[in-house]
Amino acid sequence: MIGTLRRLLGRKAEPHATTPRNPIGRRQGQARLTAIKAVALQPVLFAQWGIPDRFDGRFEAVLLLTAVDFARLVRAEDTAAADALLTAFMEDVELALQASGVSDSGMRKKMRQVETSAYARVARIGVALRQNAPSQPEILNSMFGGSEDAAPRATADRLDSLLHALYADPDGLASADALIARLS
């Protein structure tokens, strides 16, 4: 699954990438994802910022913050941690799909679709962050189906500000609560 993203980003394989046989890297990826989910699922983001409070809205919030953390890890040239994070994210998605009733026979096809889409969005958000370009179009398209209405636009603007601030802040995700409070 990580090979797909590597091809999209044009990167070579990391010799110490996270695998089921690398439990330390796996635990680190899961710990990063847990921290991301704690930030992404804060009620204020749904009640005040306007992220849709349903499965796909929560998924997109977690994906956006995963993209920021991934971009920070790539910038720091910590490819093993970046791979571990994406592996943990996709394992979490697979568990969620199983819990939602996707059959075993349909899981492989569904995961391939989700992986391709998620990795492409992670790559596009990463490019926007590295180039200090707006990510609102990506947010509007993925979270609001391309809507240009005022409420989705305001949500996308806040999320774009948060993503860029987290990418630029030396503390990254650790500064999220203060940044969310400031942007609220």
Protein backbone atom coordinates (compact mmCIF):
# COMPACT_ATOMS: atom_id res chain seq x y z
CA MET A 1 0.00 0.00 0.00
CA ILE A 2 2.86 2.41 0.72
CA GLY A 3 4.33 1.54 -2.68
CA THR A 4 1.43 3.36 -4.36
CA LEU A 5 2.21 6.58 -2.53
CA ARG A 6 5.92 6.20 -3.18
CA ARG A 7 5.19 5.96 -6.92
CA LEU A 8 2.95 9.03 -6.72
CA LEU A 9 5.65 11.00 -4.91
CA GLY A 10 8.53 9.56 -6.92
CA ARG A 11 10.39 8.28 -3.85
CA LYS A 12 12.45 5.14 -3.45
CA ALA A 13 11.68 2.48 -0.87
CA GLU A 14 12.91 3.06 2.66
CA PRO A 15 15.06 0.14 3.85
CA HIS A 16 13.69 0.32 7.40
CA ALA A 17 10.05 0.98 6.54
CA THR A 18 7.35 -0.12 8.91
CA THR A 19 6.20 -3.66 8.39
CA PRO A 20 4.31 -6.08 10.59
CA ARG A 21 7.76 -7.35 11.57
CA ASN A 22 8.79 -3.90 12.82
CA PRO A 23 6.66 -3.54 15.95
CA ILE A 24 8.43 -0.38 17.16
CA GLY A 25 7.69 1.50 13.94
CA ARG A 26 4.15 0.16 13.98
CA ARG A 27 3.55 1.39 17.54
CA GLN A 28 5.00 4.79 16.66
CA GLY A 29 2.69 5.08 13.65
CA GLN A 30 -0.30 4.10 15.76
CA ALA A 31 0.68 6.61 18.47
CA ARG A 32 0.93 9.39 15.86
CA LEU A 33 -2.46 8.45 14.44
CA THR A 34 -4.01 8.43 17.93
CA ALA A 35 -2.69 11.97 18.51
CA ILE A 36 -4.01 13.07 15.11
CA LYS A 37 -7.45 11.63 15.83
CA ALA A 38 -7.56 13.39 19.21
CA VAL A 39 -7.11 16.72 17.42
CA ALA A 40 -9.20 15.97 14.32
CA LEU A 41 -12.21 14.78 16.29
CA GLN A 42 -12.49 17.75 18.64
CA PRO A 43 -16.16 18.79 18.88
CA VAL A 44 -15.34 22.45 18.15
CA LEU A 45 -14.28 21.51 14.62
CA PHE A 46 -17.73 20.12 13.92
CA ALA A 47 -19.94 22.42 16.02
CA GLN A 48 -18.23 25.75 15.29
CA TRP A 49 -16.05 25.24 12.23
CA GLY A 50 -18.65 23.38 10.16
CA ILE A 51 -16.95 20.09 9.38
CA PRO A 52 -19.82 17.69 8.59
CA ASP A 53 -20.44 15.58 11.70
CA ARG A 54 -20.81 12.25 9.93
CA PHE A 55 -18.49 9.41 8.95
CA ASP A 56 -17.07 11.07 5.84
CA GLY A 57 -16.54 14.42 7.59
CA ARG A 58 -14.62 12.75 10.41
CA PHE A 59 -12.64 10.71 7.88
CA GLU A 60 -11.68 13.87 5.97
CA ALA A 61 -10.66 15.69 9.17
CA VAL A 62 -8.37 12.82 10.16
CA LEU A 63 -7.02 12.57 6.61
CA LEU A 64 -6.18 16.30 6.49
CA LEU A 65 -4.22 16.18 9.73
CA THR A 66 -2.54 12.94 8.67
CA ALA A 67 -1.46 14.74 5.48
CA VAL A 68 0.08 17.56 7.52
CA ASP A 69 1.97 15.21 9.80
CA PHE A 70 3.08 13.15 6.81
CA ALA A 71 4.34 16.29 5.04
CA ARG A 72 6.24 17.34 8.18
CA LEU A 73 7.87 13.90 8.43
CA VAL A 74 8.84 13.94 4.74
CA ARG A 75 10.31 17.43 5.17
CA ALA A 76 12.34 16.10 8.11
CA GLU A 77 13.41 13.15 5.92
CA ASP A 78 11.94 10.69 8.43
CA THR A 79 10.53 8.35 5.82
CA ALA A 80 10.24 5.40 8.20
CA ALA A 81 7.94 7.42 10.49
CA ALA A 82 6.02 8.76 7.46
CA ASP A 83 5.47 5.22 6.20
CA ALA A 84 4.45 4.07 9.69
CA LEU A 85 1.87 6.86 9.90
CA LEU A 86 0.27 5.99 6.55
CA THR A 87 0.29 2.30 7.39
CA ALA A 88 -1.47 2.99 10.69
CA PHE A 89 -3.98 5.25 8.92
CA MET A 90 -4.86 2.62 6.33
CA GLU A 91 -5.11 -0.12 8.97
CA ASP A 92 -7.53 2.11 10.87
CA VAL A 93 -9.57 2.71 7.71
CA GLU A 94 -9.74 -1.02 7.07
CA LEU A 95 -11.03 -1.66 10.60
CA ALA A 96 -13.65 1.07 10.15
CA LEU A 97 -14.78 -0.44 6.86
CA GLN A 98 -15.05 -3.88 8.45
CA ALA A 99 -17.09 -2.41 11.30
CA SER A 100 -19.38 -0.67 8.80
CA GLY A 101 -20.22 -3.99 7.18
CA VAL A 102 -18.01 -4.18 4.10
CA SER A 103 -17.78 -7.87 3.28
CA ASP A 104 -14.51 -9.74 3.16
CA SER A 105 -15.01 -10.35 -0.54
CA GLY A 106 -15.48 -6.62 -1.21
CA MET A 107 -12.76 -5.41 1.15
CA ARG A 108 -9.82 -5.68 -1.24
CA LYS A 109 -11.57 -3.62 -3.94
CA LYS A 110 -12.82 -1.03 -1.45
CA MET A 111 -9.40 -0.68 0.20
CA ARG A 112 -7.73 -0.22 -3.18
CA GLN A 113 -10.19 2.60 -3.97
CA VAL A 114 -9.72 4.24 -0.56
CA GLU A 115 -5.93 3.91 -0.68
CA THR A 116 -5.66 5.44 -4.13
CA SER A 117 -7.92 8.33 -3.24
CA ALA A 118 -6.42 8.96 0.21
CA TYR A 119 -2.83 8.80 -1.00
CA ALA A 120 -3.56 11.18 -3.85
CA ARG A 121 -5.12 13.67 -1.41
CA VAL A 122 -2.20 13.32 1.01
CA ALA A 123 0.14 14.07 -1.89
CA ARG A 124 -1.88 17.11 -3.06
CA ILE A 125 -2.11 18.57 0.46
CA GLY A 126 1.63 18.00 0.90
CA VAL A 127 2.37 19.89 -2.32
CA ALA A 128 0.15 22.78 -1.22
CA LEU A 129 1.92 22.94 2.15
CA ARG A 130 5.43 22.78 0.68
CA GLN A 131 4.60 25.47 -1.88
CA ASN A 132 2.67 27.56 0.66
CA ALA A 133 -0.26 27.36 -1.74
CA PRO A 134 -3.94 27.26 -0.76
CA SER A 135 -5.47 23.89 0.05
CA GLN A 136 -9.07 25.16 0.08
CA PRO A 137 -9.91 23.72 -3.36
CA GLU A 138 -8.84 20.25 -2.19
CA ILE A 139 -10.81 20.63 1.05
CA LEU A 140 -13.92 21.93 -0.72
CA ASN A 141 -13.77 19.11 -3.25
CA SER A 142 -13.18 16.25 -0.81
CA MET A 143 -15.24 17.43 2.17
CA PHE A 144 -18.05 19.35 0.50
CA GLY A 145 -18.31 17.87 -2.99
CA GLY A 146 -16.89 21.01 -4.60
CA SER A 147 -19.47 23.36 -3.07
CA GLU A 148 -18.62 27.06 -3.29
CA ASP A 149 -21.30 28.14 -0.80
CA ALA A 150 -20.32 30.53 1.99
CA ALA A 151 -20.41 28.05 4.89
CA PRO A 152 -18.22 25.38 3.26
CA ARG A 153 -15.87 28.11 2.00
CA ALA A 154 -15.49 29.47 5.58
CA THR A 155 -14.79 25.96 6.90
CA ALA A 156 -12.22 25.34 4.15
CA ASP A 157 -10.54 28.69 4.88
CA ARG A 158 -10.20 27.85 8.59
CA LEU A 159 -8.93 24.36 7.85
CA ASP A 160 -6.43 25.72 5.31
CA SER A 161 -5.15 28.18 7.93
CA LEU A 162 -4.85 25.37 10.47
CA LEU A 163 -3.01 23.05 8.07
CA HIS A 164 -0.49 25.72 7.08
CA ALA A 165 0.02 26.81 10.70
CA LEU A 166 0.61 23.22 11.83
CA TYR A 167 3.05 22.64 8.98
CA ALA A 168 4.99 25.81 9.83
CA ASP A 169 4.93 25.47 13.63
CA PRO A 170 8.04 23.78 15.06
CA ASP A 171 5.82 21.90 17.52
CA GLY A 172 3.47 20.65 14.81
CA LEU A 173 0.51 18.72 16.15
CA ALA A 174 1.41 19.62 19.74
CA SER A 175 0.41 23.21 18.98
CA ALA A 176 -2.97 22.23 17.51
CA ASP A 177 -5.15 23.08 20.51
CA ALA A 178 -3.76 26.61 20.74
CA LEU A 179 -4.06 27.12 16.99
CA ILE A 180 -7.65 25.85 16.94
CA ALA A 181 -8.55 28.19 19.81
CA ARG A 182 -6.92 31.12 18.01
CA LEU A 183 -8.69 30.37 14.73
CA SER A 184 -12.09 29.78 16.36
